Amino acid sequence: SKKKEMRNKAIKSKVKTLVKKVDAAIAEGNKAEAEAALLVA
């Protein structure tokens, strides 16, 4: 259960980071960068 918890935490953290990248690109108004980040997220 500890191993699964660590895996889940790492993946959730990765998703949050990718969402922040999309939000940052949106804030800048850079559509091309936002679309690329959106695809990955």
Full PDB file with SEQRES, HELIX, SHEET, SSBOND, CRYST1, ORIGX, SCALE, CONECT and MASTER records, all heavy atoms in Angstrom:
SEQRES   1 A   41  SER LYS LYS LYS GLU MET ARG ASN LYS ALA ILE LYS SER          
SEQRES   2 A   41  LYS VAL LYS THR LEU VAL LYS LYS VAL ASP ALA ALA ILE          
SEQRES   3 A   41  ALA GLU GLY ASN LYS ALA GLU ALA GLU ALA ALA LEU LEU          
SEQRES   4 A   41  VAL ALA                                                      
HELIX    1 AA1 LYS A    2  GLU A   28  1                                  27    
HELIX    2 AA2 LYS A   31  VAL A   40  1                                  10    
CRYST1    1.000    1.000    1.000  90.00  90.00  90.00 P 1           1          
ORIGX1      1.000000  0.000000  0.000000        0.00000                         
ORIGX2      0.000000  1.000000  0.000000        0.00000                         
ORIGX3      0.000000  0.000000  1.000000        0.00000                         
SCALE1      1.000000  0.000000  0.000000        0.00000                         
SCALE2      0.000000  1.000000  0.000000        0.00000                         
SCALE3      0.000000  0.000000  1.000000        0.00000                         
ATOM      1  N   SER A   1       0.827  -1.206   0.000  1.00  0.00           N  
ATOM      2  CA  SER A   1       0.000   0.000   0.000  1.00  0.00           C  
ATOM      3  C   SER A   1       0.863   1.259   0.000  1.00  0.00           C  
ATOM      4  O   SER A   1       0.521   2.264  -0.630  1.00  0.00           O  
ATOM      5  CB  SER A   1      -0.978   0.009   1.171  1.00  0.00           C  
ATOM      6  OG  SER A   1      -0.290   0.054   2.394  1.00  0.00           O  
ATOM      7  N   LYS A   2       2.002   1.209   0.678  1.00  0.00           N  
ATOM      8  CA  LYS A   2       2.930   2.346   0.694  1.00  0.00           C  
ATOM      9  C   LYS A   2       3.487   2.590  -0.711  1.00  0.00           C  
ATOM     10  O   LYS A   2       3.596   3.734  -1.161  1.00  0.00           O  
ATOM     11  CB  LYS A   2       4.067   2.067   1.693  1.00  0.00           C  
ATOM     12  CG  LYS A   2       4.986   3.232   1.909  1.00  0.00           C  
ATOM     13  CD  LYS A   2       4.282   4.339   2.672  1.00  0.00           C  
ATOM     14  CE  LYS A   2       5.247   5.458   2.973  1.00  0.00           C  
ATOM     15  NZ  LYS A   2       4.589   6.617   3.521  1.00  0.00           N  
ATOM     16  N   LYS A   3       3.830   1.502  -1.386  1.00  0.00           N  
ATOM     17  CA  LYS A   3       4.376   1.598  -2.740  1.00  0.00           C  
ATOM     18  C   LYS A   3       3.345   2.219  -3.695  1.00  0.00           C  
ATOM     19  O   LYS A   3       3.661   3.097  -4.495  1.00  0.00           O  
ATOM     20  CB  LYS A   3       4.741   0.190  -3.226  1.00  0.00           C  
ATOM     21  CG  LYS A   3       5.556   0.129  -4.487  1.00  0.00           C  
ATOM     22  CD  LYS A   3       5.752  -1.329  -4.888  1.00  0.00           C  
ATOM     23  CE  LYS A   3       7.186  -1.637  -5.181  1.00  0.00           C  
ATOM     24  NZ  LYS A   3       7.396  -3.043  -5.563  1.00  0.00           N  
ATOM     25  N   LYS A   4       2.084   1.753  -3.585  1.00  0.00           N  
ATOM     26  CA  LYS A   4       1.010   2.283  -4.436  1.00  0.00           C  
ATOM     27  C   LYS A   4       0.740   3.749  -4.116  1.00  0.00           C  
ATOM     28  O   LYS A   4       0.479   4.553  -5.013  1.00  0.00           O  
ATOM     29  CB  LYS A   4      -0.268   1.461  -4.261  1.00  0.00           C  
ATOM     30  CG  LYS A   4      -0.214   0.126  -4.958  1.00  0.00           C  
ATOM     31  CD  LYS A   4      -1.535  -0.605  -4.838  1.00  0.00           C  
ATOM     32  CE  LYS A   4      -1.482  -1.926  -5.571  1.00  0.00           C  
ATOM     33  NZ  LYS A   4      -2.752  -2.650  -5.502  1.00  0.00           N  
ATOM     34  N   GLU A   5       0.790   4.092  -2.824  1.00  0.00           N  
ATOM     35  CA  GLU A   5       0.579   5.479  -2.401  1.00  0.00           C  
ATOM     36  C   GLU A   5       1.635   6.400  -3.021  1.00  0.00           C  
ATOM     37  O   GLU A   5       1.316   7.483  -3.512  1.00  0.00           O  
ATOM     38  CB  GLU A   5       0.640   5.576  -0.880  1.00  0.00           C  
ATOM     39  CG  GLU A   5       0.457   6.981  -0.336  1.00  0.00           C  
ATOM     40  CD  GLU A   5       0.788   7.095   1.149  1.00  0.00           C  
ATOM     41  OE1 GLU A   5       0.849   6.052   1.829  1.00  0.00           O  
ATOM     42  OE2 GLU A   5       1.006   8.222   1.613  1.00  0.00           O  
ATOM     43  N   MET A   6       2.881   5.954  -3.011  1.00  0.00           N  
ATOM     44  CA  MET A   6       3.974   6.751  -3.587  1.00  0.00           C  
ATOM     45  C   MET A   6       3.778   6.928  -5.092  1.00  0.00           C  
ATOM     46  O   MET A   6       3.986   8.010  -5.642  1.00  0.00           O  
ATOM     47  CB  MET A   6       5.321   6.078  -3.310  1.00  0.00           C  
ATOM     48  CG  MET A   6       5.663   5.975  -1.838  1.00  0.00           C  
ATOM     49  SD  MET A   6       5.913   7.568  -1.065  1.00  0.00           S  
ATOM     50  CE  MET A   6       7.573   7.878  -1.558  1.00  0.00           C  
ATOM     51  N   ARG A   7       3.383   5.856  -5.774  1.00  0.00           N  
ATOM     52  CA  ARG A   7       3.142   5.914  -7.218  1.00  0.00           C  
ATOM     53  C   ARG A   7       2.011   6.891  -7.535  1.00  0.00           C  
ATOM     54  O   ARG A   7       2.146   7.749  -8.409  1.00  0.00           O  
ATOM     55  CB  ARG A   7       2.786   4.528  -7.761  1.00  0.00           C  
ATOM     56  CG  ARG A   7       2.669   4.505  -9.293  1.00  0.00           C  
ATOM     57  CD  ARG A   7       1.900   3.303  -9.783  1.00  0.00           C  
ATOM     58  NE  ARG A   7       0.479   3.515  -9.532  1.00  0.00           N  
ATOM     59  CZ  ARG A   7      -0.478   2.666  -9.858  1.00  0.00           C  
ATOM     60  NH1 ARG A   7      -0.175   1.517 -10.404  1.00  0.00           N  
ATOM     61  NH2 ARG A   7      -1.742   2.933  -9.619  1.00  0.00           N  
ATOM     62  N   ASN A   8       0.909   6.767  -6.791  1.00  0.00           N  
ATOM     63  CA  ASN A   8      -0.243   7.643  -7.018  1.00  0.00           C  
ATOM     64  C   ASN A   8       0.112   9.099  -6.767  1.00  0.00           C  
ATOM     65  O   ASN A   8      -0.284   9.988  -7.523  1.00  0.00           O  
ATOM     66  CB  ASN A   8      -1.410   7.237  -6.121  1.00  0.00           C  
ATOM     67  CG  ASN A   8      -1.989   5.901  -6.509  1.00  0.00           C  
ATOM     68  OD1 ASN A   8      -1.682   5.349  -7.561  1.00  0.00           O  
ATOM     69  ND2 ASN A   8      -2.825   5.364  -5.646  1.00  0.00           N  
ATOM     70  N   LYS A   9       0.869   9.348  -5.708  1.00  0.00           N  
ATOM     71  CA  LYS A   9       1.274  10.705  -5.356  1.00  0.00           C  
ATOM     72  C   LYS A   9       2.150  11.300  -6.455  1.00  0.00           C  
ATOM     73  O   LYS A   9       1.988  12.468  -6.822  1.00  0.00           O  
ATOM     74  CB  LYS A   9       2.014  10.694  -4.018  1.00  0.00           C  
ATOM     75  CG  LYS A   9       2.099  12.060  -3.356  1.00  0.00           C  
ATOM     76  CD  LYS A   9       2.780  11.967  -2.006  1.00  0.00           C  
ATOM     77  CE  LYS A   9       1.855  11.396  -0.949  1.00  0.00           C  
ATOM     78  NZ  LYS A   9       2.416  11.498   0.413  1.00  0.00           N  
ATOM     79  N   ALA A  10       3.068  10.502  -6.992  1.00  0.00           N  
ATOM     80  CA  ALA A  10       3.966  10.973  -8.048  1.00  0.00           C  
ATOM     81  C   ALA A  10       3.185  11.323  -9.310  1.00  0.00           C  
ATOM     82  O   ALA A  10       3.440  12.362  -9.941  1.00  0.00           O  
ATOM     83  CB  ALA A  10       5.007   9.911  -8.357  1.00  0.00           C  
ATOM     84  N   ILE A  11       2.230  10.490  -9.665  1.00  0.00           N  
ATOM     85  CA  ILE A  11       1.446  10.732 -10.883  1.00  0.00           C  
ATOM     86  C   ILE A  11       0.551  11.955 -10.703  1.00  0.00           C  
ATOM     87  O   ILE A  11       0.435  12.785 -11.614  1.00  0.00           O  
ATOM     88  CB  ILE A  11       0.643   9.480 -11.270  1.00  0.00           C  
ATOM     89  CG1 ILE A  11       1.611   8.370 -11.698  1.00  0.00           C  
ATOM     90  CG2 ILE A  11      -0.341   9.779 -12.389  1.00  0.00           C  
ATOM     91  CD1 ILE A  11       0.984   7.025 -11.933  1.00  0.00           C  
ATOM     92  N   LYS A  12      -0.082  12.100  -9.531  1.00  0.00           N  
ATOM     93  CA  LYS A  12      -0.922  13.274  -9.272  1.00  0.00           C  
ATOM     94  C   LYS A  12      -0.094  14.542  -9.322  1.00  0.00           C  
ATOM     95  O   LYS A  12      -0.536  15.567  -9.857  1.00  0.00           O  
ATOM     96  CB  LYS A  12      -1.608  13.166  -7.902  1.00  0.00           C  
ATOM     97  CG  LYS A  12      -2.868  12.359  -7.929  1.00  0.00           C  
ATOM     98  CD  LYS A  12      -3.606  12.475  -6.599  1.00  0.00           C  
ATOM     99  CE  LYS A  12      -4.921  11.730  -6.657  1.00  0.00           C  
ATOM    100  NZ  LYS A  12      -5.711  11.893  -5.454  1.00  0.00           N  
ATOM    101  N   SER A  13       1.097  14.489  -8.778  1.00  0.00           N  
ATOM    102  CA  SER A  13       1.992  15.642  -8.790  1.00  0.00           C  
ATOM    103  C   SER A  13       2.372  16.012 -10.217  1.00  0.00           C  
ATOM    104  O   SER A  13       2.391  17.201 -10.576  1.00  0.00           O  
ATOM    105  CB  SER A  13       3.243  15.324  -7.976  1.00  0.00           C  
ATOM    106  OG  SER A  13       4.144  16.387  -8.026  1.00  0.00           O  
ATOM    107  N   LYS A  14       2.652  15.014 -11.035  1.00  0.00           N  
ATOM    108  CA  LYS A  14       3.007  15.244 -12.434  1.00  0.00           C  
ATOM    109  C   LYS A  14       1.852  15.917 -13.178  1.00  0.00           C  
ATOM    110  O   LYS A  14       2.060  16.856 -13.951  1.00  0.00           O  
ATOM    111  CB  LYS A  14       3.373  13.920 -13.100  1.00  0.00           C  
ATOM    112  CG  LYS A  14       3.917  14.053 -14.504  1.00  0.00           C  
ATOM    113  CD  LYS A  14       4.369  12.707 -15.034  1.00  0.00           C  
ATOM    114  CE  LYS A  14       5.033  12.848 -16.381  1.00  0.00           C  
ATOM    115  NZ  LYS A  14       5.446  11.560 -16.926  1.00  0.00           N  
ATOM    116  N   VAL A  15       0.629  15.427 -12.934  1.00  0.00           N  
ATOM    117  CA  VAL A  15      -0.556  16.004 -13.575  1.00  0.00           C  
ATOM    118  C   VAL A  15      -0.719  17.463 -13.166  1.00  0.00           C  
ATOM    119  O   VAL A  15      -0.972  18.332 -14.005  1.00  0.00           O  
ATOM    120  CB  VAL A  15      -1.832  15.191 -13.236  1.00  0.00           C  
ATOM    121  CG1 VAL A  15      -3.086  15.941 -13.640  1.00  0.00           C  
ATOM    122  CG2 VAL A  15      -1.785  13.829 -13.920  1.00  0.00           C  
ATOM    123  N   LYS A  16      -0.559  17.745 -11.873  1.00  0.00           N  
ATOM    124  CA  LYS A  16      -0.695  19.119 -11.382  1.00  0.00           C  
ATOM    125  C   LYS A  16       0.322  20.042 -12.044  1.00  0.00           C  
ATOM    126  O   LYS A  16       0.002  21.174 -12.417  1.00  0.00           O  
ATOM    127  CB  LYS A  16      -0.524  19.172  -9.862  1.00  0.00           C  
ATOM    128  CG  LYS A  16      -1.710  18.633  -9.096  1.00  0.00           C  
ATOM    129  CD  LYS A  16      -1.426  18.686  -7.609  1.00  0.00           C  
ATOM    130  CE  LYS A  16      -2.502  17.968  -6.810  1.00  0.00           C  
ATOM    131  NZ  LYS A  16      -2.202  17.928  -5.382  1.00  0.00           N  
ATOM    132  N   THR A  17       1.560  19.555 -12.202  1.00  0.00           N  
ATOM    133  CA  THR A  17       2.613  20.344 -12.841  1.00  0.00           C  
ATOM    134  C   THR A  17       2.243  20.650 -14.284  1.00  0.00           C  
ATOM    135  O   THR A  17       2.405  21.785 -14.749  1.00  0.00           O  
ATOM    136  CB  THR A  17       3.955  19.582 -12.788  1.00  0.00           C  
ATOM    137  OG1 THR A  17       4.268  19.308 -11.429  1.00  0.00           O  
ATOM    138  CG2 THR A  17       5.074  20.397 -13.415  1.00  0.00           C  
ATOM    139  N   LEU A  18       1.741  19.648 -14.998  1.00  0.00           N  
ATOM    140  CA  LEU A  18       1.372  19.834 -16.400  1.00  0.00           C  
ATOM    141  C   LEU A  18       0.187  20.797 -16.547  1.00  0.00           C  
ATOM    142  O   LEU A  18       0.154  21.598 -17.476  1.00  0.00           O  
ATOM    143  CB  LEU A  18       1.057  18.481 -17.048  1.00  0.00           C  
ATOM    144  CG  LEU A  18       2.257  17.545 -17.193  1.00  0.00           C  
ATOM    145  CD1 LEU A  18       1.806  16.153 -17.627  1.00  0.00           C  
ATOM    146  CD2 LEU A  18       3.267  18.106 -18.170  1.00  0.00           C  
ATOM    147  N   VAL A  19      -0.760  20.726 -15.611  1.00  0.00           N  
ATOM    148  CA  VAL A  19      -1.901  21.646 -15.630  1.00  0.00           C  
ATOM    149  C   VAL A  19      -1.412  23.077 -15.394  1.00  0.00           C  
ATOM    150  O   VAL A  19      -1.884  24.025 -16.044  1.00  0.00           O  
ATOM    151  CB  VAL A  19      -2.966  21.235 -14.583  1.00  0.00           C  
ATOM    152  CG1 VAL A  19      -4.011  22.317 -14.392  1.00  0.00           C  
ATOM    153  CG2 VAL A  19      -3.617  19.928 -14.987  1.00  0.00           C  
ATOM    154  N   LYS A  20      -0.451  23.239 -14.489  1.00  0.00           N  
ATOM    155  CA  LYS A  20       0.114  24.566 -14.227  1.00  0.00           C  
ATOM    156  C   LYS A  20       0.803  25.124 -15.468  1.00  0.00           C  
ATOM    157  O   LYS A  20       0.739  26.324 -15.727  1.00  0.00           O  
ATOM    158  CB  LYS A  20       1.110  24.514 -13.063  1.00  0.00           C  
ATOM    159  CG  LYS A  20       0.457  24.423 -11.705  1.00  0.00           C  
ATOM    160  CD  LYS A  20       1.504  24.348 -10.609  1.00  0.00           C  
ATOM    161  CE  LYS A  20       0.869  24.009  -9.276  1.00  0.00           C  
ATOM    162  NZ  LYS A  20       1.875  23.771  -8.235  1.00  0.00           N  
ATOM    163  N   LYS A  21       1.471  24.246 -16.240  1.00  0.00           N  
ATOM    164  CA  LYS A  21       2.121  24.691 -17.481  1.00  0.00           C  
ATOM    165  C   LYS A  21       1.088  25.194 -18.479  1.00  0.00           C  
ATOM    166  O   LYS A  21       1.305  26.198 -19.162  1.00  0.00           O  
ATOM    167  CB  LYS A  21       2.944  23.558 -18.094  1.00  0.00           C  
ATOM    168  CG  LYS A  21       4.241  23.301 -17.380  1.00  0.00           C  
ATOM    169  CD  LYS A  21       5.063  22.227 -18.069  1.00  0.00           C  
ATOM    170  CE  LYS A  21       6.352  21.976 -17.303  1.00  0.00           C  
ATOM    171  NZ  LYS A  21       7.148  20.890 -17.894  1.00  0.00           N  
ATOM    172  N   VAL A  22      -0.038  24.506 -18.579  1.00  0.00           N  
ATOM    173  CA  VAL A  22      -1.118  24.942 -19.475  1.00  0.00           C  
ATOM    174  C   VAL A  22      -1.657  26.287 -19.003  1.00  0.00           C  
ATOM    175  O   VAL A  22      -1.828  27.218 -19.804  1.00  0.00           O  
ATOM    176  CB  VAL A  22      -2.259  23.898 -19.543  1.00  0.00           C  
ATOM    177  CG1 VAL A  22      -3.412  24.417 -20.374  1.00  0.00           C  
ATOM    178  CG2 VAL A  22      -1.754  22.583 -20.103  1.00  0.00           C  
ATOM    179  N   ASP A  23      -1.902  26.413 -17.702  1.00  0.00           N  
ATOM    180  CA  ASP A  23      -2.422  27.665 -17.143  1.00  0.00           C  
ATOM    181  C   ASP A  23      -1.457  28.827 -17.364  1.00  0.00           C  
ATOM    182  O   ASP A  23      -1.877  29.944 -17.657  1.00  0.00           O  
ATOM    183  CB  ASP A  23      -2.719  27.510 -15.646  1.00  0.00           C  
ATOM    184  CG  ASP A  23      -3.931  26.625 -15.388  1.00  0.00           C  
ATOM    185  OD1 ASP A  23      -4.777  26.491 -16.291  1.00  0.00           O  
ATOM    186  OD2 ASP A  23      -4.029  26.074 -14.273  1.00  0.00           O  
ATOM    187  N   ALA A  24      -0.156  28.563 -17.238  1.00  0.00           N  
ATOM    188  CA  ALA A  24       0.850  29.606 -17.451  1.00  0.00           C  
ATOM    189  C   ALA A  24       0.839  30.073 -18.902  1.00  0.00           C  
ATOM    190  O   ALA A  24       0.915  31.272 -19.178  1.00  0.00           O  
ATOM    191  CB  ALA A  24       2.232  29.093 -17.069  1.00  0.00           C  
ATOM    192  N   ALA A  25       0.718  29.135 -19.833  1.00  0.00           N  
ATOM    193  CA  ALA A  25       0.670  29.477 -21.255  1.00  0.00           C  
ATOM    194  C   ALA A  25      -0.589  30.272 -21.577  1.00  0.00           C  
ATOM    195  O   ALA A  25      -0.557  31.207 -22.380  1.00  0.00           O  
ATOM    196  CB  ALA A  25       0.741  28.217 -22.106  1.00  0.00           C  
ATOM    197  N   ILE A  26      -1.691  29.932 -20.926  1.00  0.00           N  
ATOM    198  CA  ILE A  26      -2.954  30.660 -21.120  1.00  0.00           C  
ATOM    199  C   ILE A  26      -2.811  32.087 -20.589  1.00  0.00           C  
ATOM    200  O   ILE A  26      -3.244  33.044 -21.234  1.00  0.00           O  
ATOM    201  CB  ILE A  26      -4.126  29.929 -20.421  1.00  0.00           C  
ATOM    202  CG1 ILE A  26      -4.429  28.614 -21.147  1.00  0.00           C  
ATOM    203  CG2 ILE A  26      -5.368  30.795 -20.369  1.00  0.00           C  
ATOM    204  CD1 ILE A  26      -5.357  27.683 -20.398  1.00  0.00           C  
ATOM    205  N   ALA A  27      -2.194  32.221 -19.425  1.00  0.00           N  
ATOM    206  CA  ALA A  27      -1.998  33.546 -18.822  1.00  0.00           C  
ATOM    207  C   ALA A  27      -1.143  34.439 -19.718  1.00  0.00           C  
ATOM    208  O   ALA A  27      -1.381  35.647 -19.809  1.00  0.00           O  
ATOM    209  CB  ALA A  27      -1.356  33.413 -17.451  1.00  0.00           C  
ATOM    210  N   GLU A  28      -0.150  33.839 -20.382  1.00  0.00           N  
ATOM    211  CA  GLU A  28       0.701  34.602 -21.304  1.00  0.00           C  
ATOM    212  C   GLU A  28      -0.036  34.931 -22.596  1.00  0.00           C  
ATOM    213  O   GLU A  28       0.345  35.859 -23.307  1.00  0.00           O  
ATOM    214  CB  GLU A  28       1.957  33.792 -21.666  1.00  0.00           C  
ATOM    215  CG  GLU A  28       2.949  33.646 -20.547  1.00  0.00           C  
ATOM    216  CD  GLU A  28       4.115  32.734 -20.923  1.00  0.00           C  
ATOM    217  OE1 GLU A  28       4.236  32.366 -22.113  1.00  0.00           O  
ATOM    218  OE2 GLU A  28       4.894  32.397 -20.019  1.00  0.00           O  
ATOM    219  N   GLY A  29      -1.066  34.162 -22.909  1.00  0.00           N  
ATOM    220  CA  GLY A  29      -1.809  34.362 -24.151  1.00  0.00           C  
ATOM    221  C   GLY A  29      -1.141  33.671 -25.330  1.00  0.00           C  
ATOM    222  O   GLY A  29      -1.440  33.964 -26.484  1.00  0.00           O  
ATOM    223  N   ASN A  30      -0.248  32.744 -25.056  1.00  0.00           N  
ATOM    224  CA  ASN A  30       0.483  32.019 -26.090  1.00  0.00           C  
ATOM    225  C   ASN A  30      -0.303  30.765 -26.469  1.00  0.00           C  
ATOM    226  O   ASN A  30      -0.216  29.739 -25.819  1.00  0.00           O  
ATOM    227  CB  ASN A  30       1.877  31.659 -25.574  1.00  0.00           C  
ATOM    228  CG  ASN A  30       2.771  31.102 -26.650  1.00  0.00           C  
ATOM    229  OD1 ASN A  30       2.304  30.678 -27.706  1.00  0.00           O  
ATOM    230  ND2 ASN A  30       4.065  31.108 -26.388  1.00  0.00           N  
ATOM    231  N   LYS A  31      -1.096  30.863 -27.551  1.00  0.00           N  
ATOM    232  CA  LYS A  31      -1.988  29.771 -27.930  1.00  0.00           C  
ATOM    233  C   LYS A  31      -1.237  28.516 -28.378  1.00  0.00           C  
ATOM    234  O   LYS A  31      -1.608  27.396 -28.012  1.00  0.00           O  
ATOM    235  CB  LYS A  31      -2.948  30.215 -29.034  1.00  0.00           C  
ATOM    236  CG  LYS A  31      -4.028  29.197 -29.329  1.00  0.00           C  
ATOM    237  CD  LYS A  31      -5.180  29.780 -30.091  1.00  0.00           C  
ATOM    238  CE  LYS A  31      -6.204  28.712 -30.413  1.00  0.00           C  
ATOM    239  NZ  LYS A  31      -7.430  28.869 -29.674  1.00  0.00           N  
ATOM    240  N   ALA A  32      -0.174  28.689 -29.152  1.00  0.00           N  
ATOM    241  CA  ALA A  32       0.578  27.529 -29.654  1.00  0.00           C  
ATOM    242  C   ALA A  32       1.186  26.735 -28.496  1.00  0.00           C  
ATOM    243  O   ALA A  32       1.106  25.499 -28.459  1.00  0.00           O  
ATOM    244  CB  ALA A  32       1.669  27.989 -30.609  1.00  0.00           C  
ATOM    245  N   GLU A  33       1.781  27.453 -27.561  1.00  0.00           N  
ATOM    246  CA  GLU A  33       2.390  26.798 -26.396  1.00  0.00           C  
ATOM    247  C   GLU A  33       1.319  26.138 -25.529  1.00  0.00           C  
ATOM    248  O   GLU A  33       1.514  25.038 -25.022  1.00  0.00           O  
ATOM    249  CB  GLU A  33       3.172  27.831 -25.573  1.00  0.00           C  
ATOM    250  CG  GLU A  33       4.049  27.235 -24.501  1.00  0.00           C  
ATOM    251  CD  GLU A  33       4.810  28.298 -23.721  1.00  0.00           C  
ATOM    252  OE1 GLU A  33       5.390  29.201 -24.376  1.00  0.00           O  
ATOM    253  OE2 GLU A  33       4.807  28.220 -22.484  1.00  0.00           O  
ATOM    254  N   ALA A  34       0.176  26.806 -25.382  1.00  0.00           N  
ATOM    255  CA  ALA A  34      -0.919  26.271 -24.572  1.00  0.00           C  
ATOM    256  C   ALA A  34      -1.472  24.990 -25.186  1.00  0.00           C  
ATOM    257  O   ALA A  34      -1.751  24.024 -24.468  1.00  0.00           O  
ATOM    258  CB  ALA A  34      -2.026  27.312 -24.433  1.00  0.00           C  
ATOM    259  N   GLU A  35      -1.609  24.965 -26.503  1.00  0.00           N  
ATOM    260  CA  GLU A  35      -2.126  23.766 -27.173  1.00  0.00           C  
ATOM    261  C   GLU A  35      -1.162  22.590 -27.039  1.00  0.00           C  
ATOM    262  O   GLU A  35      -1.590  21.446 -26.838  1.00  0.00           O  
ATOM    263  CB  GLU A  35      -2.412  24.057 -28.651  1.00  0.00           C  
ATOM    264  CG  GLU A  35      -3.651  24.907 -28.852  1.00  0.00           C  
ATOM    265  CD  GLU A  35      -3.888  25.300 -30.300  1.00  0.00           C  
ATOM    266  OE1 GLU A  35      -2.937  25.217 -31.112  1.00  0.00           O  
ATOM    267  OE2 GLU A  35      -5.023  25.686 -30.611  1.00  0.00           O  
ATOM    268  N   ALA A  36       0.136  22.880 -27.150  1.00  0.00           N  
ATOM    269  CA  ALA A  36       1.134  21.816 -26.985  1.00  0.00           C  
ATOM    270  C   ALA A  36       1.108  21.267 -25.560  1.00  0.00           C  
ATOM    271  O   ALA A  36       1.143  20.041 -25.348  1.00  0.00           O  
ATOM    272  CB  ALA A  36       2.523  22.351 -27.319  1.00  0.00           C  
ATOM    273  N   ALA A  37       1.033  22.162 -24.582  1.00  0.00           N  
ATOM    274  CA  ALA A  37       0.982  21.752 -23.172  1.00  0.00           C  
ATOM    275  C   ALA A  37      -0.316  21.001 -22.883  1.00  0.00           C  
ATOM    276  O   ALA A  37      -0.326  20.039 -22.099  1.00  0.00           O  
ATOM    277  CB  ALA A  37       1.117  22.963 -22.268  1.00  0.00           C  
ATOM    278  N   LEU A  38      -1.405  21.427 -23.517  1.00  0.00           N  
ATOM    279  CA  LEU A  38      -2.706  20.778 -23.330  1.00  0.00           C  
ATOM    280  C   LEU A  38      -2.660  19.330 -23.811  1.00  0.00           C  
ATOM    281  O   LEU A  38      -3.190  18.433 -23.152  1.00  0.00           O  
ATOM    282  CB  LEU A  38      -3.806  21.534 -24.080  1.00  0.00           C  
ATOM    283  CG  LEU A  38      -5.198  20.885 -24.075  1.00  0.00           C  
ATOM    284  CD1 LEU A  38      -5.782  20.919 -22.672  1.00  0.00           C  
ATOM    285  CD2 LEU A  38      -6.118  21.590 -25.042  1.00  0.00           C  
ATOM    286  N   LEU A  39      -2.015  19.106 -24.930  1.00  0.00           N  
ATOM    287  CA  LEU A  39      -1.907  17.761 -25.493  1.00  0.00           C  
ATOM    288  C   LEU A  39      -1.205  16.819 -24.514  1.00  0.00           C  
ATOM    289  O   LEU A  39      -1.669  15.699 -24.253  1.00  0.00           O  
ATOM    290  CB  LEU A  39      -1.148  17.822 -26.818  1.00  0.00           C  
ATOM    291  CG  LEU A  39      -1.197  16.582 -27.694  1.00  0.00           C  
ATOM    292  CD1 LEU A  39      -2.614  16.347 -28.194  1.00  0.00           C  
ATOM    293  CD2 LEU A  39      -0.253  16.737 -28.869  1.00  0.00           C  
ATOM    294  N   VAL A  40      -0.110  17.290 -23.946  1.00  0.00           N  
ATOM    295  CA  VAL A  40       0.656  16.486 -22.984  1.00  0.00           C  
ATOM    296  C   VAL A  40      -0.164  16.261 -21.712  1.00  0.00           C  
ATOM    297  O   VAL A  40      -0.234  15.144 -21.194  1.00  0.00           O  
ATOM    298  CB  VAL A  40       1.995  17.181 -22.649  1.00  0.00           C  
ATOM    299  CG1 VAL A  40       2.745  16.418 -21.572  1.00  0.00           C  
ATOM    300  CG2 VAL A  40       2.851  17.314 -23.896  1.00  0.00           C  
ATOM    301  N   ALA A  41      -0.791  17.324 -21.211  1.00  0.00           N  
ATOM    302  CA  ALA A  41      -1.576  17.227 -19.980  1.00  0.00           C  
ATOM    303  C   ALA A  41      -2.767  16.282 -20.153  1.00  0.00           C  
ATOM    304  O   ALA A  41      -3.050  15.456 -19.272  1.00  0.00           O  
ATOM    305  CB  ALA A  41      -2.057  18.614 -19.553  1.00  0.00           C  
TER     306      ALA A  41                                                      
MASTER        0    0    0    2    0    0    0    6  305    1    0    4          
END                                                                             
